């Protein structure tokens, strides 16, 4: 049986495309989380304190964000390990997301007096804790998919997000 170069290289090409697809899937999920995070931050910043109509868009975006985090975790769980280029693409997406998270959590902290006035701070605290947990789970799922050299870098990139969540949760704690 004769093997051509194409026959021998086809499995390698398929493997490389799978690795690239896995990185692209993770980047796409992170980008969706970034978009939802920005939207939530904008809605919180624009909220005028009206209880029902003003909070519906905030609740909707917060719920969507939690769903997107959980969906991203599932996508990462199904993904194969990524190559160096995929790790760089994921790092770039997470860096962008980190900035959005910091702005959004800053907006949530700034809006605390309005949430307090409507007795909504306990709900916000619960949402923050759920989103922090989902973020931690996503991070734990992506980490092992990265090449060894990128794992410490990933921890450094995600650290400001962890600090921002801790600060926001601390501001909303009742006791």
Protein backbone atom coordinates (compact mmCIF):
# COMPACT_ATOMS: atom_id res chain seq x y z
CA UNK A 1 0.00 0.00 0.00
CA UNK A 2 1.34 3.39 -0.98
CA UNK A 3 0.91 6.43 1.22
CA UNK A 4 1.11 9.87 -0.21
CA UNK A 5 2.23 12.92 1.73
CA UNK A 6 -1.38 14.08 1.78
CA UNK A 7 -2.53 10.81 3.30
CA UNK A 8 0.10 11.04 6.00
CA UNK A 9 -0.43 14.74 6.77
CA UNK A 10 -4.23 14.74 6.79
CA UNK A 11 -4.52 13.49 10.41
CA UNK A 12 -2.06 16.18 11.52
CA UNK A 13 -4.02 18.86 9.70
CA UNK A 14 -7.24 17.65 11.29
CA UNK A 15 -5.62 17.67 14.72
CA UNK A 16 -4.29 21.20 14.21
CA UNK A 17 -7.69 22.42 13.05
CA UNK A 18 -9.30 20.85 16.15
CA UNK A 19 -6.85 22.66 18.44
CA UNK A 20 -7.50 25.94 16.62
CA UNK A 21 -11.25 25.35 16.78
CA UNK A 22 -11.07 24.70 20.52
CA UNK A 23 -9.18 27.96 21.10
CA UNK A 24 -11.64 29.79 18.86
CA UNK A 25 -14.57 28.32 20.79
CA UNK A 26 -13.11 29.47 24.10
CA UNK A 27 -12.27 32.92 22.72
CA UNK A 28 -15.79 33.24 21.30
CA UNK A 29 -17.30 32.33 24.69
CA UNK A 30 -15.07 34.84 26.49
CA UNK A 31 -15.98 37.52 23.94
CA UNK A 32 -19.68 36.88 24.57
CA UNK A 33 -19.08 37.18 28.31
CA UNK A 34 -17.25 40.46 27.67
CA UNK A 35 -20.15 41.84 25.64
CA UNK A 36 -22.68 40.90 28.32
CA UNK A 37 -20.42 42.27 31.08
CA UNK A 38 -20.15 45.62 29.30
CA UNK A 39 -23.91 45.75 28.77
CA UNK A 40 -24.56 45.01 32.44
CA UNK A 41 -22.10 47.69 33.51
CA UNK A 42 -23.71 50.26 31.23
CA UNK A 43 -27.20 49.44 32.51
CA UNK A 44 -26.10 49.66 36.15
CA UNK A 45 -24.37 53.00 35.49
CA UNK A 46 -27.45 54.38 33.73
CA UNK A 47 -29.95 53.08 36.30
CA UNK A 48 -31.94 55.95 37.75
CA UNK A 49 -33.12 54.05 40.82
CA UNK A 50 -36.61 53.18 39.55
CA UNK A 51 -37.42 49.84 41.11
CA UNK A 52 -39.36 47.77 38.60
CA UNK A 53 -38.75 49.11 35.11
CA UNK A 54 -35.21 50.20 35.87
CA UNK A 55 -34.06 46.90 37.32
CA UNK A 56 -35.51 44.56 34.67
CA UNK A 57 -32.67 45.21 32.19
CA UNK A 58 -30.10 44.79 34.99
CA UNK A 59 -31.62 41.48 36.09
CA UNK A 60 -31.83 40.32 32.47
CA UNK A 61 -28.15 41.09 31.79
CA UNK A 62 -27.03 39.61 35.10
CA UNK A 63 -28.93 36.41 34.33
CA UNK A 64 -27.53 36.33 30.80
CA UNK A 65 -24.02 36.82 32.15
CA UNK A 66 -24.36 33.90 34.53
CA UNK A 67 -25.71 31.73 31.70
CA UNK A 68 -22.83 32.77 29.42
CA UNK A 69 -20.29 31.93 32.14
CA UNK A 70 -21.79 28.47 32.61
CA UNK A 71 -22.00 27.87 28.85
CA UNK A 72 -18.35 28.92 28.48
CA UNK A 73 -17.38 26.47 31.22
CA UNK A 74 -19.14 23.67 29.33
CA UNK A 75 -17.44 24.66 26.07
CA UNK A 76 -14.03 24.74 27.77
CA UNK A 77 -14.68 21.36 29.37
CA UNK A 78 -15.32 19.84 25.94
CA UNK A 79 -12.26 21.49 24.41
CA UNK A 80 -8.95 19.80 23.85
CA UNK A 81 -5.78 21.49 25.10
CA UNK A 82 -4.86 24.54 23.02
CA UNK A 83 -1.57 25.32 21.31
CA UNK A 84 0.65 28.36 21.91
CA UNK A 85 -1.24 30.56 19.46
CA UNK A 86 -4.55 29.55 21.02
CA UNK A 87 -3.20 30.38 24.48
CA UNK A 88 -2.18 33.84 23.27
CA UNK A 89 -5.62 34.41 21.72
CA UNK A 90 -7.33 33.33 24.95
CA UNK A 91 -5.02 35.59 26.99
CA UNK A 92 -5.89 38.58 24.79
CA UNK A 93 -9.62 37.91 25.18
CA UNK A 94 -9.29 37.54 28.96
CA UNK A 95 -7.27 40.76 29.20
CA UNK A 96 -10.05 42.61 27.39
CA UNK A 97 -12.67 40.96 29.60
CA UNK A 98 -10.71 41.86 32.73
CA UNK A 99 -11.01 45.55 31.90
CA UNK A 100 -14.75 45.21 31.32
CA UNK A 101 -15.21 43.31 34.59
CA UNK A 102 -13.35 45.99 36.53
CA UNK A 103 -15.49 48.78 35.04
CA UNK A 104 -18.72 46.86 35.60
CA UNK A 105 -17.91 45.94 39.18
CA UNK A 106 -16.91 49.56 39.78
CA UNK A 107 -20.34 50.62 38.48
CA UNK A 108 -22.03 48.08 40.74
CA UNK A 109 -20.10 49.39 43.75
CA UNK A 110 -20.98 52.99 42.83
CA UNK A 111 -24.68 52.07 42.54
CA UNK A 112 -24.82 50.47 45.99
CA UNK A 113 -26.60 53.44 47.62
CA UNK A 114 -29.37 53.15 45.00
CA UNK A 115 -29.62 49.39 45.50
CA UNK A 116 -29.66 49.95 49.29
CA UNK A 117 -32.52 52.44 48.95
CA UNK A 118 -34.60 49.83 47.11
CA UNK A 119 -33.52 47.01 49.47
CA UNK A 120 -31.87 45.20 46.56
CA UNK A 121 -28.32 44.94 47.91
CA UNK A 122 -28.80 41.37 49.22
CA UNK A 123 -29.90 40.31 45.73
CA UNK A 124 -26.89 42.04 44.19
CA UNK A 125 -24.62 40.30 46.71
CA UNK A 126 -26.09 36.93 45.80
CA UNK A 127 -25.59 37.64 42.08
CA UNK A 128 -22.01 38.75 42.67
CA UNK A 129 -21.25 35.55 44.58
CA UNK A 130 -22.82 33.39 41.86
CA UNK A 131 -20.93 35.22 39.11
CA UNK A 132 -17.68 34.97 41.07
CA UNK A 133 -18.19 31.22 41.53
CA UNK A 134 -18.99 30.75 37.84
CA UNK A 135 -15.92 32.82 36.90
CA UNK A 136 -13.72 30.69 39.16
CA UNK A 137 -15.16 27.51 37.67
CA UNK A 138 -14.55 28.78 34.13
CA UNK A 139 -10.99 29.73 35.02
CA UNK A 140 -10.40 26.31 36.55
CA UNK A 141 -11.70 24.67 33.38
CA UNK A 142 -9.59 26.76 30.99
CA UNK A 143 -6.33 26.60 32.95
CA UNK A 144 -5.49 22.95 32.23
CA UNK A 145 -6.25 23.48 28.53
CA UNK A 146 -3.36 25.95 28.27
CA UNK A 147 0.23 24.99 27.57
CA UNK A 148 2.31 24.74 30.75
CA UNK A 149 4.17 28.00 30.04
CA UNK A 150 0.89 29.96 29.85
CA UNK A 151 -0.67 28.81 33.12
CA UNK A 152 1.20 31.21 35.41
CA UNK A 153 0.49 34.04 32.98
CA UNK A 154 -3.20 33.10 33.04
CA UNK A 155 -3.23 33.30 36.85
CA UNK A 156 -1.65 36.76 36.66
CA UNK A 157 -4.20 37.93 34.09
CA UNK A 158 -7.19 36.69 36.07
CA UNK A 159 -5.92 38.00 39.43
CA UNK A 160 -7.30 41.55 38.99
CA UNK A 161 -10.74 40.05 38.27
CA UNK A 162 -10.56 38.02 41.48
CA UNK A 163 -9.56 41.13 43.44
CA UNK A 164 -12.37 43.18 41.88
CA UNK A 165 -14.96 40.53 42.75
CA UNK A 166 -13.66 40.30 46.31
CA UNK A 167 -13.87 44.09 46.68
CA UNK A 168 -17.40 44.27 45.27
CA UNK A 169 -18.59 41.41 47.47
CA UNK A 170 -17.00 43.03 50.51
CA UNK A 171 -18.84 46.29 49.77
CA UNK A 172 -22.17 44.45 49.56
CA UNK A 173 -21.74 42.23 52.60
CA UNK A 174 -24.30 42.93 55.28
CA UNK A 175 -22.04 42.13 58.22
